[in-house]
Amino acid sequence: MAKILVVDDEADLESLIKQKFRQKIRERKYEFLFAINGVKALEELELHPDVDVVLSDINMPEMDGLTLLSKLSEQNNLLKSVMVSAYGDMENIRTAMNRGAFDFVTKPVNFEDLELTMEKTIKHVGQLRETMKAIKENNILRMYVDETVLNFMGGQEFESSLTKSETVDATVMFIDISGFTAFSESQPPDVVVKLLNNYFDIMVKEILAQEGYVDKFIGDAIMAVFRGDFNLDRAIDAALAVRKTVNDLPKENAGIGYAPQVTIGVNCGEMISGNIGSANLRRLDFTVIGDTVNTAQRLQSAGKANQIIISEAAYQRIKESFHCEPVGEVMLKNKMNPVMIYEVIE
């Protein structure tokens, strides 16, 4: 059951929502909580930390929706907000999106559109929570994988599954935020971390939508892996979505004048998958390694801002499905001969 907090000072909104969503409430698909402003909303969240989505008006007494949004971002990265605003309120909408709002709906509220927006947001929150759960479980295993724990969880068979390595055919994607390192040197640490996390959140959403997973965060870059059927096509779809979403962000963030762009490298082929790390530290990362992975990172390094760069092998596999243009031959690290690379346009 999804728990939704509605924050609005309109007196009749509570009864209207209960009426419009009475069937879903009766079927225990939705549970609604209500607050008349941002202050009351924070009190409700203290009592109900399992809220999935906040649906908030912007203009309210005591604490408005934009101030509430800032406080929510500081307190709970998994909680997503949908803002409600009038058609002509674009400045506030842009500010809200810049502060981390997941989506917005306009007044007068179209309840069919509202439900679709809530469902999309609830699904996204569920995906984030599953990802966080998997990361936490993996981190716990990495920290405490010793003989006692292995025996408790299944003995030799379980130990073998943790140490098993295999060769897989997959696609690796490196996404780098162009110019962010230089930008971060002139900003306070809290601004850098908050902004970077917001960018990562946007990118991860598009990766998960194409059934990829984040292998690791490397500074201001992401390494993502796509397995299974059409793994290269799904990776390219994710890359295009990431680029579009980032380009659609407001050109200035919180008045600091930084316009984010990404450089993406994508490569496909065989790679080794397994737990890599130090047994002495009891720290193992389940990851992929090999020339295919290294080449993907170097393709990203060879690209420019706003480019998606792929190898010749990847181009041959997707040229009938995506519009690509040749960039030319480049020298990549540890490659004896020049390598032909292509840019994915759309």
C-alpha atoms as a PDB file:
ATOM      1  CA  MET A   1       0.000   0.000   0.000  1.00  0.00           C
ATOM      2  CA  ALA A   2       1.381   3.405  -0.994  1.00  0.00           C
ATOM      3  CA  LYS A   3       1.293   6.153   1.623  1.00  0.00           C
ATOM      4  CA  ILE A   4       0.811   9.671   0.247  1.00  0.00           C
ATOM      5  CA  LEU A   5       1.012  12.938   2.190  1.00  0.00           C
ATOM      6  CA  VAL A   6      -1.095  15.745   0.690  1.00  0.00           C
ATOM      7  CA  VAL A   7       0.002  19.247   1.736  1.00  0.00           C
ATOM      8  CA  ASP A   8      -2.441  22.035   0.823  1.00  0.00           C
ATOM      9  CA  ASP A   9      -4.279  24.786   2.667  1.00  0.00           C
ATOM     10  CA  GLU A  10      -7.495  24.392   0.628  1.00  0.00           C
ATOM     11  CA  ALA A  11     -10.121  23.226   3.090  1.00  0.00           C
ATOM     12  CA  ASP A  12     -12.126  21.069   0.697  1.00  0.00           C
ATOM     13  CA  LEU A  13      -9.182  19.231  -0.900  1.00  0.00           C
ATOM     14  CA  GLU A  14      -9.123  16.449   1.681  1.00  0.00           C
ATOM     15  CA  SER A  15     -12.750  15.471   1.114  1.00  0.00           C
ATOM     16  CA  LEU A  16     -12.316  15.799  -2.669  1.00  0.00           C
ATOM     17  CA  ILE A  17      -9.331  13.432  -2.746  1.00  0.00           C
ATOM     18  CA  LYS A  18     -11.064  10.932  -0.481  1.00  0.00           C
ATOM     19  CA  GLN A  19     -14.042  11.008  -2.808  1.00  0.00           C
ATOM     20  CA  LYS A  20     -12.054  10.680  -6.049  1.00  0.00           C
ATOM     21  CA  PHE A  21      -9.846   7.870  -4.736  1.00  0.00           C
ATOM     22  CA  ARG A  22     -12.390   6.122  -2.506  1.00  0.00           C
ATOM     23  CA  GLN A  23     -12.097   2.810  -4.365  1.00  0.00           C
ATOM     24  CA  LYS A  24      -8.306   2.741  -4.147  1.00  0.00           C
ATOM     25  CA  ILE A  25      -8.513   3.673  -0.463  1.00  0.00           C
ATOM     26  CA  ARG A  26     -11.067   0.916   0.127  1.00  0.00           C
ATOM     27  CA  GLU A  27      -8.867  -1.591  -1.710  1.00  0.00           C
ATOM     28  CA  ARG A  28      -5.925  -0.466   0.471  1.00  0.00           C
ATOM     29  CA  LYS A  29      -3.846   0.570  -2.549  1.00  0.00           C
ATOM     30  CA  TYR A  30      -3.512   4.150  -1.279  1.00  0.00           C
ATOM     31  CA  GLU A  31      -3.401   5.645   2.194  1.00  0.00           C
ATOM     32  CA  PHE A  32      -3.636   9.428   2.351  1.00  0.00           C
ATOM     33  CA  LEU A  33      -2.385  11.738   5.080  1.00  0.00           C
ATOM     34  CA  PHE A  34      -3.130  15.475   5.068  1.00  0.00           C
ATOM     35  CA  ALA A  35      -1.418  18.664   6.254  1.00  0.00           C
ATOM     36  CA  ILE A  36      -2.412  22.303   5.761  1.00  0.00           C
ATOM     37  CA  ASN A  37       1.163  23.665   5.330  1.00  0.00           C
ATOM     38  CA  GLY A  38       4.840  22.711   5.375  1.00  0.00           C
ATOM     39  CA  VAL A  39       5.162  22.891   9.146  1.00  0.00           C
ATOM     40  CA  LYS A  40       2.317  20.422   9.678  1.00  0.00           C
ATOM     41  CA  ALA A  41       3.705  18.248   6.886  1.00  0.00           C
ATOM     42  CA  LEU A  42       7.036  17.850   8.691  1.00  0.00           C
ATOM     43  CA  GLU A  43       5.147  16.884  11.852  1.00  0.00           C
ATOM     44  CA  GLU A  44       3.222  14.224   9.901  1.00  0.00           C
ATOM     45  CA  LEU A  45       6.447  12.856   8.449  1.00  0.00           C
ATOM     46  CA  GLU A  46       7.896  12.521  11.945  1.00  0.00           C
ATOM     47  CA  LEU A  47       4.894  10.365  12.855  1.00  0.00           C
ATOM     48  CA  HIS A  48       4.847   8.488   9.536  1.00  0.00           C
ATOM     49  CA  PRO A  49       8.419   7.961   8.253  1.00  0.00           C
ATOM     50  CA  ASP A  50       7.160   5.361   5.744  1.00  0.00           C
ATOM     51  CA  VAL A  51       5.473   7.979   3.500  1.00  0.00           C
ATOM     52  CA  ASP A  52       6.281   7.278  -0.169  1.00  0.00           C
ATOM     53  CA  VAL A  53       5.165  10.473  -1.906  1.00  0.00           C
ATOM     54  CA  VAL A  54       4.488  14.061  -0.880  1.00  0.00           C
ATOM     55  CA  LEU A  55       1.913  15.894  -3.014  1.00  0.00           C
ATOM     56  CA  SER A  56       2.365  19.562  -2.144  1.00  0.00           C
ATOM     57  CA  ASP A  57       0.920  22.904  -3.121  1.00  0.00           C
ATOM     58  CA  ILE A  58       3.472  25.706  -3.558  1.00  0.00           C
ATOM     59  CA  ASN A  59       1.681  28.719  -2.048  1.00  0.00           C
ATOM     60  CA  MET A  60       0.775  28.064   1.617  1.00  0.00           C
ATOM     61  CA  PRO A  61       0.957  30.000   4.910  1.00  0.00           C
ATOM     62  CA  GLU A  62       3.676  29.442   7.567  1.00  0.00           C
ATOM     63  CA  MET A  63       5.839  27.284   5.290  1.00  0.00           C
ATOM     64  CA  ASP A  64       5.392  27.181   1.529  1.00  0.00           C
ATOM     65  CA  GLY A  65       5.947  24.202  -0.726  1.00  0.00           C
ATOM     66  CA  LEU A  66       9.381  25.282  -1.974  1.00  0.00           C
ATOM     67  CA  THR A  67      10.727  25.618   1.566  1.00  0.00           C
ATOM     68  CA  LEU A  68       9.205  22.252   2.449  1.00  0.00           C
ATOM     69  CA  LEU A  69      10.853  20.726  -0.604  1.00  0.00           C
ATOM     70  CA  SER A  70      14.287  21.934   0.522  1.00  0.00           C
ATOM     71  CA  LYS A  71      13.794  20.414   3.969  1.00  0.00           C
ATOM     72  CA  LEU A  72      12.578  17.105   2.506  1.00  0.00           C
ATOM     73  CA  SER A  73      15.692  16.847   0.319  1.00  0.00           C
ATOM     74  CA  GLU A  74      17.872  17.329   3.388  1.00  0.00           C
ATOM     75  CA  GLN A  75      16.051  14.735   5.478  1.00  0.00           C
ATOM     76  CA  ASN A  76      15.071  11.890   3.135  1.00  0.00           C
ATOM     77  CA  ASN A  77      16.581  11.253  -0.299  1.00  0.00           C
ATOM     78  CA  LEU A  78      14.169   8.384  -1.013  1.00  0.00           C
ATOM     79  CA  LEU A  79      11.030  10.452  -0.433  1.00  0.00           C
ATOM     80  CA  LYS A  80       9.808  12.018  -3.687  1.00  0.00           C
ATOM     81  CA  SER A  81       7.661  15.114  -4.087  1.00  0.00           C
ATOM     82  CA  VAL A  82       5.077  16.083  -6.689  1.00  0.00           C
ATOM     83  CA  MET A  83       4.353  19.809  -6.709  1.00  0.00           C
ATOM     84  CA  VAL A  84       0.983  21.411  -7.506  1.00  0.00           C
ATOM     85  CA  SER A  85       0.998  24.782  -9.223  1.00  0.00           C
ATOM     86  CA  ALA A  86      -0.946  27.024 -11.576  1.00  0.00           C
ATOM     87  CA  TYR A  87      -0.230  27.089 -15.310  1.00  0.00           C
ATOM     88  CA  GLY A  88       1.349  30.530 -15.173  1.00  0.00           C
ATOM     89  CA  ASP A  89       3.638  29.732 -12.244  1.00  0.00           C
ATOM     90  CA  MET A  90       6.625  28.572 -14.340  1.00  0.00           C
ATOM     91  CA  GLU A  91       9.265  30.307 -12.227  1.00  0.00           C
ATOM     92  CA  ASN A  92       8.172  28.389  -9.125  1.00  0.00           C
ATOM     93  CA  ILE A  93       7.915  25.162 -11.108  1.00  0.00           C
ATOM     94  CA  ARG A  94      11.489  25.564 -12.367  1.00  0.00           C
ATOM     95  CA  THR A  95      12.676  26.326  -8.840  1.00  0.00           C
ATOM     96  CA  ALA A  96      10.858  23.257  -7.526  1.00  0.00           C
ATOM     97  CA  MET A  97      12.401  20.962 -10.150  1.00  0.00           C
ATOM     98  CA  ASN A  98      15.807  22.454  -9.407  1.00  0.00           C
ATOM     99  CA  ARG A  99      15.355  21.625  -5.718  1.00  0.00           C
ATOM    100  CA  GLY A 100      14.609  17.998  -6.454  1.00  0.00           C
ATOM    101  CA  ALA A 101      10.871  17.761  -7.163  1.00  0.00           C
ATOM    102  CA  PHE A 102      10.149  14.554  -9.054  1.00  0.00           C
ATOM    103  CA  ASP A 103       7.230  15.957 -11.080  1.00  0.00           C
ATOM    104  CA  PHE A 104       4.433  18.504 -10.961  1.00  0.00           C
ATOM    105  CA  VAL A 105       0.731  18.771 -11.766  1.00  0.00           C
ATOM    106  CA  THR A 106      -1.215  21.920 -12.571  1.00  0.00           C
ATOM    107  CA  LYS A 107      -4.317  23.506 -11.103  1.00  0.00           C
ATOM    108  CA  PRO A 108      -7.174  22.998 -11.592  1.00  0.00           C
ATOM    109  CA  VAL A 109      -6.196  19.406 -10.863  1.00  0.00           C
ATOM    110  CA  ASN A 110      -7.051  16.769 -13.452  1.00  0.00           C
ATOM    111  CA  PHE A 111      -7.444  13.718 -11.202  1.00  0.00           C
ATOM    112  CA  GLU A 112      -6.751  11.226 -13.982  1.00  0.00           C
ATOM    113  CA  ASP A 113      -3.430  12.955 -14.664  1.00  0.00           C
ATOM    114  CA  LEU A 114      -2.792  13.169 -10.924  1.00  0.00           C
ATOM    115  CA  GLU A 115      -3.249   9.425 -10.483  1.00  0.00           C
ATOM    116  CA  LEU A 116      -0.905   8.624 -13.389  1.00  0.00           C
ATOM    117  CA  THR A 117       1.696  10.978 -11.919  1.00  0.00           C
ATOM    118  CA  MET A 118       1.359   9.426  -8.458  1.00  0.00           C
ATOM    119  CA  GLU A 119       1.660   5.889  -9.876  1.00  0.00           C
ATOM    120  CA  LYS A 120       4.820   6.844 -11.759  1.00  0.00           C
ATOM    121  CA  THR A 121       6.298   8.430  -8.639  1.00  0.00           C
ATOM    122  CA  ILE A 122       5.350   5.497  -6.393  1.00  0.00           C
ATOM    123  CA  LYS A 123       6.959   3.078  -8.852  1.00  0.00           C
ATOM    124  CA  HIS A 124      10.149   5.151  -8.893  1.00  0.00           C
ATOM    125  CA  VAL A 125      10.299   5.258  -5.088  1.00  0.00           C
ATOM    126  CA  GLY A 126       9.816   1.478  -5.009  1.00  0.00           C
ATOM    127  CA  GLN A 127      12.717   0.990  -7.428  1.00  0.00           C
ATOM    128  CA  LEU A 128      14.965   3.245  -5.339  1.00  0.00           C
ATOM    129  CA  ARG A 129      14.115   1.362  -2.166  1.00  0.00           C
ATOM    130  CA  GLU A 130      14.797  -2.000  -3.811  1.00  0.00           C
ATOM    131  CA  THR A 131      18.133  -0.687  -5.040  1.00  0.00           C
ATOM    132  CA  MET A 132      19.046   0.631  -1.593  1.00  0.00           C
ATOM    133  CA  LYS A 133      18.008  -2.661  -0.024  1.00  0.00           C
ATOM    134  CA  ALA A 134      20.214  -4.599  -2.418  1.00  0.00           C
ATOM    135  CA  ILE A 135      23.153  -2.258  -1.787  1.00  0.00           C
ATOM    136  CA  LYS A 136      22.778  -2.559   1.988  1.00  0.00           C
ATOM    137  CA  GLU A 137      22.527  -6.347   1.817  1.00  0.00           C
ATOM    138  CA  ASN A 138      25.573  -6.516  -0.445  1.00  0.00           C
ATOM    139  CA  ASN A 139      27.558  -4.192   1.823  1.00  0.00           C
ATOM    140  CA  ILE A 140      26.691  -6.324   4.847  1.00  0.00           C
ATOM    141  CA  LEU A 141      27.847  -9.473   3.080  1.00  0.00           C
ATOM    142  CA  ARG A 142      31.059  -7.795   1.955  1.00  0.00           C
ATOM    143  CA  MET A 143      31.838  -6.729   5.516  1.00  0.00           C
ATOM    144  CA  TYR A 144      31.023 -10.000   7.271  1.00  0.00           C
ATOM    145  CA  VAL A 145      31.788 -12.782   4.841  1.00  0.00           C
ATOM    146  CA  ASP A 146      33.746 -15.123   7.080  1.00  0.00           C
ATOM    147  CA  GLU A 147      33.479 -18.826   7.835  1.00  0.00           C
ATOM    148  CA  THR A 148      30.913 -18.454  10.602  1.00  0.00           C
ATOM    149  CA  VAL A 149      28.511 -16.389   8.513  1.00  0.00           C
ATOM    150  CA  LEU A 150      28.978 -18.569   5.442  1.00  0.00           C
ATOM    151  CA  ASN A 151      28.198 -21.716   7.419  1.00  0.00           C
ATOM    152  CA  PHE A 152      25.141 -20.060   8.930  1.00  0.00           C
ATOM    153  CA  MET A 153      23.852 -19.029   5.500  1.00  0.00           C
ATOM    154  CA  GLY A 154      24.418 -22.275   3.670  1.00  0.00           C
ATOM    155  CA  GLY A 155      27.996 -23.449   4.011  1.00  0.00           C
ATOM    156  CA  GLN A 156      30.095 -24.330   0.992  1.00  0.00           C
ATOM    157  CA  GLU A 157      27.308 -23.897  -1.539  1.00  0.00           C
ATOM    158  CA  PHE A 158      26.678 -20.330  -0.425  1.00  0.00           C
ATOM    159  CA  GLU A 159      30.404 -19.594  -0.290  1.00  0.00           C
ATOM    160  CA  SER A 160      30.797 -20.867  -3.829  1.00  0.00           C
ATOM    161  CA  SER A 161      27.989 -18.629  -5.046  1.00  0.00           C
ATOM    162  CA  LEU A 162      29.723 -15.573  -3.550  1.00  0.00           C
ATOM    163  CA  THR A 163      33.113 -16.401  -5.055  1.00  0.00           C
ATOM    164  CA  LYS A 164      31.801 -17.640  -8.393  1.00  0.00           C
ATOM    165  CA  SER A 165      33.070 -15.843 -11.463  1.00  0.00           C
ATOM    166  CA  GLU A 166      31.871 -16.152 -15.046  1.00  0.00           C
ATOM    167  CA  THR A 167      32.238 -14.671 -18.495  1.00  0.00           C
ATOM    168  CA  VAL A 168      29.160 -12.751 -19.597  1.00  0.00           C
ATOM    169  CA  ASP A 169      28.071 -10.861 -22.691  1.00  0.00           C
ATOM    170  CA  ALA A 170      26.895  -7.450 -21.527  1.00  0.00           C
ATOM    171  CA  THR A 171      27.073  -3.713 -22.131  1.00  0.00           C
ATOM    172  CA  VAL A 172      28.945  -1.223 -19.969  1.00  0.00           C
ATOM    173  CA  MET A 173      28.182   2.501 -19.869  1.00  0.00           C
ATOM    174  CA  PHE A 174      30.264   5.254 -18.276  1.00  0.00           C
ATOM    175  CA  ILE A 175      28.527   8.599 -17.666  1.00  0.00           C
ATOM    176  CA  ASP A 176      30.653  11.595 -16.710  1.00  0.00           C
ATOM    177  CA  ILE A 177      29.284  15.007 -15.718  1.00  0.00           C
ATOM    178  CA  SER A 178      31.318  17.340 -17.912  1.00  0.00           C
ATOM    179  CA  GLY A 179      33.197  20.095 -16.119  1.00  0.00           C
ATOM    180  CA  PHE A 180      31.834  19.192 -12.694  1.00  0.00           C
ATOM    181  CA  THR A 181      35.246  18.652 -11.098  1.00  0.00           C
ATOM    182  CA  ALA A 182      36.400  22.156 -12.012  1.00  0.00           C
ATOM    183  CA  PHE A 183      33.063  23.615 -10.939  1.00  0.00           C
ATOM    184  CA  SER A 184      33.192  21.819  -7.571  1.00  0.00           C
ATOM    185  CA  GLU A 185      36.510  23.433  -6.663  1.00  0.00           C
ATOM    186  CA  SER A 186      34.803  26.827  -6.364  1.00  0.00           C
ATOM    187  CA  GLN A 187      31.778  25.681  -4.348  1.00  0.00           C
ATOM    188  CA  PRO A 188      31.105  24.780  -0.698  1.00  0.00           C
ATOM    189  CA  PRO A 189      31.195  21.007  -0.033  1.00  0.00           C
ATOM    190  CA  ASP A 190      27.508  20.787   0.931  1.00  0.00           C
ATOM    191  CA  VAL A 191      26.460  22.439  -2.349  1.00  0.00           C
ATOM    192  CA  VAL A 192      28.671  20.065  -4.365  1.00  0.00           C
ATOM    193  CA  VAL A 193      27.418  16.913  -2.637  1.00  0.00           C
ATOM    194  CA  LYS A 194      23.744  17.883  -2.807  1.00  0.00           C
ATOM    195  CA  LEU A 195      23.956  18.860  -6.474  1.00  0.00           C
ATOM    196  CA  LEU A 196      25.894  15.723  -7.420  1.00  0.00           C
ATOM    197  CA  ASN A 197      23.405  13.495  -5.619  1.00  0.00           C
ATOM    198  CA  ASN A 198      20.523  15.189  -7.448  1.00  0.00           C
ATOM    199  CA  TYR A 199      22.221  14.580 -10.798  1.00  0.00           C
ATOM    200  CA  PHE A 200      22.942  10.946  -9.910  1.00  0.00           C
ATOM    201  CA  ASP A 201      19.324  10.452  -8.859  1.00  0.00           C
ATOM    202  CA  ILE A 202      18.139  11.637 -12.282  1.00  0.00           C
ATOM    203  CA  MET A 203      20.574   9.370 -14.114  1.00  0.00           C
ATOM    204  CA  VAL A 204      19.886   6.290 -12.012  1.00  0.00           C
ATOM    205  CA  LYS A 205      16.167   6.628 -12.736  1.00  0.00           C
ATOM    206  CA  GLU A 206      16.834   6.315 -16.476  1.00  0.00           C
ATOM    207  CA  ILE A 207      19.252   3.394 -15.984  1.00  0.00           C
ATOM    208  CA  LEU A 208      16.732   1.476 -13.889  1.00  0.00           C
ATOM    209  CA  ALA A 209      13.980   2.204 -16.431  1.00  0.00           C
ATOM    210  CA  GLN A 210      16.001   0.221 -18.988  1.00  0.00           C
ATOM    211  CA  GLU A 211      16.689  -2.640 -16.532  1.00  0.00           C
ATOM    212  CA  GLY A 212      20.319  -1.723 -16.044  1.00  0.00           C
ATOM    213  CA  TYR A 213      22.077  -1.494 -12.694  1.00  0.00           C
ATOM    214  CA  VAL A 214      24.662   0.858 -11.252  1.00  0.00           C
ATOM    215  CA  ASP A 215      27.919  -0.996 -10.746  1.00  0.00           C
ATOM    216  CA  LYS A 216      29.604   1.894  -8.966  1.00  0.00           C
ATOM    217  CA  PHE A 217      29.865   5.655  -8.549  1.00  0.00           C
ATOM    218  CA  ILE A 218      33.327   6.966  -9.402  1.00  0.00           C
ATOM    219  CA  GLY A 219      33.726  10.587  -8.334  1.00  0.00           C
ATOM    220  CA  ASP A 220      31.306  12.488 -10.564  1.00  0.00           C
ATOM    221  CA  ALA A 221      30.823   9.523 -12.922  1.00  0.00           C
ATOM    222  CA  ILE A 222      28.596   6.441 -13.017  1.00  0.00           C
ATOM    223  CA  MET A 223      29.464   2.974 -14.275  1.00  0.00           C
ATOM    224  CA  ALA A 224      26.344   1.050 -15.271  1.00  0.00           C
ATOM    225  CA  VAL A 225      25.925  -2.476 -16.617  1.00  0.00           C
ATOM    226  CA  PHE A 226      23.165  -3.927 -18.786  1.00  0.00           C
ATOM    227  CA  ARG A 227      22.695  -7.680 -19.144  1.00  0.00           C
ATOM    228  CA  GLY A 228      20.198  -9.939 -20.849  1.00  0.00           C
ATOM    229  CA  ASP A 229      18.349  -9.569 -24.133  1.00  0.00           C
ATOM    230  CA  PHE A 230      19.010  -6.416 -26.184  1.00  0.00           C
ATOM    231  CA  ASN A 231      21.411  -5.170 -23.519  1.00  0.00           C
ATOM    232  CA  LEU A 232      23.168  -2.784 -25.939  1.00  0.00           C
ATOM    233  CA  ASP A 233      19.892  -1.309 -27.242  1.00  0.00           C
ATOM    234  CA  ARG A 234      18.644  -0.750 -23.695  1.00  0.00           C
ATOM    235  CA  ALA A 235      21.937   0.890 -22.724  1.00  0.00           C
ATOM    236  CA  ILE A 236      21.724   3.286 -25.684  1.00  0.00           C
ATOM    237  CA  ASP A 237      18.102   4.099 -24.822  1.00  0.00           C
ATOM    238  CA  ALA A 238      19.227   4.853 -21.257  1.00  0.00           C
ATOM    239  CA  ALA A 239      22.112   7.011 -22.497  1.00  0.00           C
ATOM    240  CA  LEU A 240      19.802   9.053 -24.740  1.00  0.00           C
ATOM    241  CA  ALA A 241      17.299   9.478 -21.890  1.00  0.00           C
ATOM    242  CA  VAL A 242      20.032  10.577 -19.464  1.00  0.00           C
ATOM    243  CA  ARG A 243      21.359  13.141 -21.937  1.00  0.00           C
ATOM    244  CA  LYS A 244      17.896  14.538 -22.669  1.00  0.00           C
ATOM    245  CA  THR A 245      16.886  14.718 -19.014  1.00  0.00           C
ATOM    246  CA  VAL A 246      20.116  16.468 -18.015  1.00  0.00           C
ATOM    247  CA  ASN A 247      19.857  18.902 -20.945  1.00  0.00           C
ATOM    248  CA  ASP A 248      16.277  19.720 -19.930  1.00  0.00           C
ATOM    249  CA  LEU A 249      17.358  20.797 -16.442  1.00  0.00           C
ATOM    250  CA  PRO A 250      17.268  24.517 -15.672  1.00  0.00           C
ATOM    251  CA  LYS A 251      20.310  26.250 -17.121  1.00  0.00           C
ATOM    252  CA  GLU A 252      21.276  27.615 -13.736  1.00  0.00           C
ATOM    253  CA  ASN A 253      21.222  25.741 -10.448  1.00  0.00           C
ATOM    254  CA  ALA A 254      20.394  27.728  -7.332  1.00  0.00           C
ATOM    255  CA  GLY A 255      21.985  30.824  -8.862  1.00  0.00           C
ATOM    256  CA  ILE A 256      25.454  29.304  -9.209  1.00  0.00           C
ATOM    257  CA  GLY A 257      25.501  29.453 -12.988  1.00  0.00           C
ATOM    258  CA  TYR A 258      26.429  25.845 -13.768  1.00  0.00           C
ATOM    259  CA  ALA A 259      24.701  24.103 -16.690  1.00  0.00           C
ATOM    260  CA  PRO A 260      25.284  20.334 -16.490  1.00  0.00           C
ATOM    261  CA  GLN A 261      26.079  18.196 -19.515  1.00  0.00           C
ATOM    262  CA  VAL A 262      27.149  14.581 -19.760  1.00  0.00           C
ATOM    263  CA  THR A 263      29.729  12.676 -21.763  1.00  0.00           C
ATOM    264  CA  ILE A 264      28.885   9.002 -22.189  1.00  0.00           C
ATOM    265  CA  GLY A 265      30.911   6.025 -23.390  1.00  0.00           C
ATOM    266  CA  VAL A 266      29.217   2.720 -24.244  1.00  0.00           C
ATOM    267  CA  ASN A 267      30.820  -0.605 -25.166  1.00  0.00           C
ATOM    268  CA  CYS A 268      29.553  -4.167 -25.457  1.00  0.00           C
ATOM    269  CA  GLY A 269      31.049  -7.644 -25.496  1.00  0.00           C
ATOM    270  CA  GLU A 270      32.442 -10.303 -23.210  1.00  0.00           C
ATOM    271  CA  MET A 271      33.621  -9.431 -19.703  1.00  0.00           C
ATOM    272  CA  ILE A 272      34.397 -11.239 -16.468  1.00  0.00           C
ATOM    273  CA  SER A 273      31.793 -10.952 -13.723  1.00  0.00           C
ATOM    274  CA  GLY A 274      32.618 -11.769 -10.115  1.00  0.00           C
ATOM    275  CA  ASN A 275      33.431 -10.579  -6.608  1.00  0.00           C
ATOM    276  CA  ILE A 276      36.632  -8.541  -6.813  1.00  0.00           C
ATOM    277  CA  GLY A 277      38.485  -7.186  -3.801  1.00  0.00           C
ATOM    278  CA  SER A 278      40.519  -8.114  -0.757  1.00  0.00           C
ATOM    279  CA  ALA A 279      39.788 -11.180   1.350  1.00  0.00           C
ATOM    280  CA  ASN A 280      41.985  -9.768   4.127  1.00  0.00           C
ATOM    281  CA  LEU A 281      39.797  -6.658   4.332  1.00  0.00           C
ATOM    282  CA  ARG A 282      36.655  -8.753   3.848  1.00  0.00           C
ATOM    283  CA  ARG A 283      35.700  -6.203   1.220  1.00  0.00           C
ATOM    284  CA  LEU A 284      34.490  -7.564  -2.118  1.00  0.00           C
ATOM    285  CA  ASP A 285      32.694  -5.725  -4.903  1.00  0.00           C
ATOM    286  CA  PHE A 286      30.504  -7.695  -7.296  1.00  0.00           C
ATOM    287  CA  THR A 287      31.576  -6.099 -10.550  1.00  0.00           C
ATOM    288  CA  VAL A 288      32.682  -6.660 -14.147  1.00  0.00           C
ATOM    289  CA  ILE A 289      36.231  -6.335 -15.464  1.00  0.00           C
ATOM    290  CA  GLY A 290      38.089  -6.791 -18.735  1.00  0.00           C
ATOM    291  CA  ASP A 291      39.024  -5.023 -21.940  1.00  0.00           C
ATOM    292  CA  THR A 292      35.384  -4.323 -22.835  1.00  0.00           C
ATOM    293  CA  VAL A 293      34.943  -2.412 -19.574  1.00  0.00           C
ATOM    294  CA  ASN A 294      38.227  -0.517 -19.918  1.00  0.00           C
ATOM    295  CA  THR A 295      37.389   0.471 -23.474  1.00  0.00           C
ATOM    296  CA  ALA A 296      33.977   1.838 -22.423  1.00  0.00           C
ATOM    297  CA  GLN A 297      35.675   4.166 -19.937  1.00  0.00           C
ATOM    298  CA  ARG A 298      38.198   5.303 -22.569  1.00  0.00           C
ATOM    299  CA  LEU A 299      35.425   5.927 -25.083  1.00  0.00           C
ATOM    300  CA  GLN A 300      33.829   8.245 -22.552  1.00  0.00           C
ATOM    301  CA  SER A 301      37.167  10.028 -22.060  1.00  0.00           C
ATOM    302  CA  ALA A 302      37.480  10.452 -25.844  1.00  0.00           C
ATOM    303  CA  GLY A 303      34.094  12.144 -26.098  1.00  0.00           C
ATOM    304  CA  LYS A 304      33.104  15.765 -25.666  1.00  0.00           C
ATOM    305  CA  ALA A 305      30.298  17.290 -23.611  1.00  0.00           C
ATOM    306  CA  ASN A 306      26.858  16.079 -24.728  1.00  0.00           C
ATOM    307  CA  GLN A 307      28.263  13.192 -26.788  1.00  0.00           C
ATOM    308  CA  ILE A 308      27.444   9.478 -26.589  1.00  0.00           C
ATOM    309  CA  ILE A 309      30.469   7.614 -27.960  1.00  0.00           C
ATOM    310  CA  ILE A 310      30.423   3.963 -29.004  1.00  0.00           C
ATOM    311  CA  SER A 311      32.888   1.491 -30.506  1.00  0.00           C
ATOM    312  CA  GLU A 312      32.900   0.048 -34.008  1.00  0.00           C
ATOM    313  CA  ALA A 313      31.526  -3.268 -32.669  1.00  0.00           C
ATOM    314  CA  ALA A 314      28.640  -1.503 -30.942  1.00  0.00           C
ATOM    315  CA  TYR A 315      27.922   0.564 -34.038  1.00  0.00           C
ATOM    316  CA  GLN A 316      27.615  -2.542 -36.224  1.00  0.00           C
ATOM    317  CA  ARG A 317      25.038  -3.977 -33.809  1.00  0.00           C
ATOM    318  CA  ILE A 318      22.800  -0.914 -33.539  1.00  0.00           C
ATOM    319  CA  LYS A 319      23.274   1.006 -36.808  1.00  0.00           C
ATOM    320  CA  GLU A 320      19.849  -0.039 -38.112  1.00  0.00           C
ATOM    321  CA  SER A 321      18.074   1.050 -34.925  1.00  0.00           C
ATOM    322  CA  PHE A 322      19.813   4.308 -34.017  1.00  0.00           C
ATOM    323  CA  HIS A 323      21.107   7.294 -35.969  1.00  0.00           C
ATOM    324  CA  CYS A 324      24.884   7.390 -35.532  1.00  0.00           C
ATOM    325  CA  GLU A 325      27.623   9.433 -37.145  1.00  0.00           C
ATOM    326  CA  PRO A 326      31.332   8.614 -37.465  1.00  0.00           C
ATOM    327  CA  VAL A 327      33.667  10.670 -35.297  1.00  0.00           C
ATOM    328  CA  GLY A 328      36.893   9.287 -36.728  1.00  0.00           C
ATOM    329  CA  GLU A 329      39.857   7.264 -35.587  1.00  0.00           C
ATOM    330  CA  VAL A 330      41.339   7.972 -32.169  1.00  0.00           C
ATOM    331  CA  MET A 331      44.120   6.511 -30.093  1.00  0.00           C
ATOM    332  CA  LEU A 332      42.874   4.873 -26.899  1.00  0.00           C
ATOM    333  CA  LYS A 333      45.108   3.990 -23.973  1.00  0.00           C
ATOM    334  CA  ASN A 334      46.706   0.535 -24.257  1.00  0.00           C
ATOM    335  CA  LYS A 335      45.526   0.131 -27.866  1.00  0.00           C
ATOM    336  CA  MET A 336      48.314  -0.294 -30.410  1.00  0.00           C
ATOM    337  CA  ASN A 337      46.270   0.911 -33.382  1.00  0.00           C
ATOM    338  CA  PRO A 338      43.803   3.760 -33.878  1.00  0.00           C
ATOM    339  CA  VAL A 339      40.186   2.872 -33.071  1.00  0.00           C
ATOM    340  CA  MET A 340      37.178   4.033 -35.089  1.00  0.00           C
ATOM    341  CA  ILE A 341      34.499   5.585 -32.899  1.00  0.00           C
ATOM    342  CA  TYR A 342      30.942   6.779 -33.549  1.00  0.00           C
ATOM    343  CA  GLU A 343      28.557   9.226 -31.918  1.00  0.00           C
ATOM    344  CA  VAL A 344      24.936   8.261 -31.239  1.00  0.00           C
ATOM    345  CA  ILE A 345      22.731  11.148 -32.354  1.00  0.00           C
ATOM    346  CA  GLU A 346      19.233   9.786 -31.685  1.00  0.00           C
END
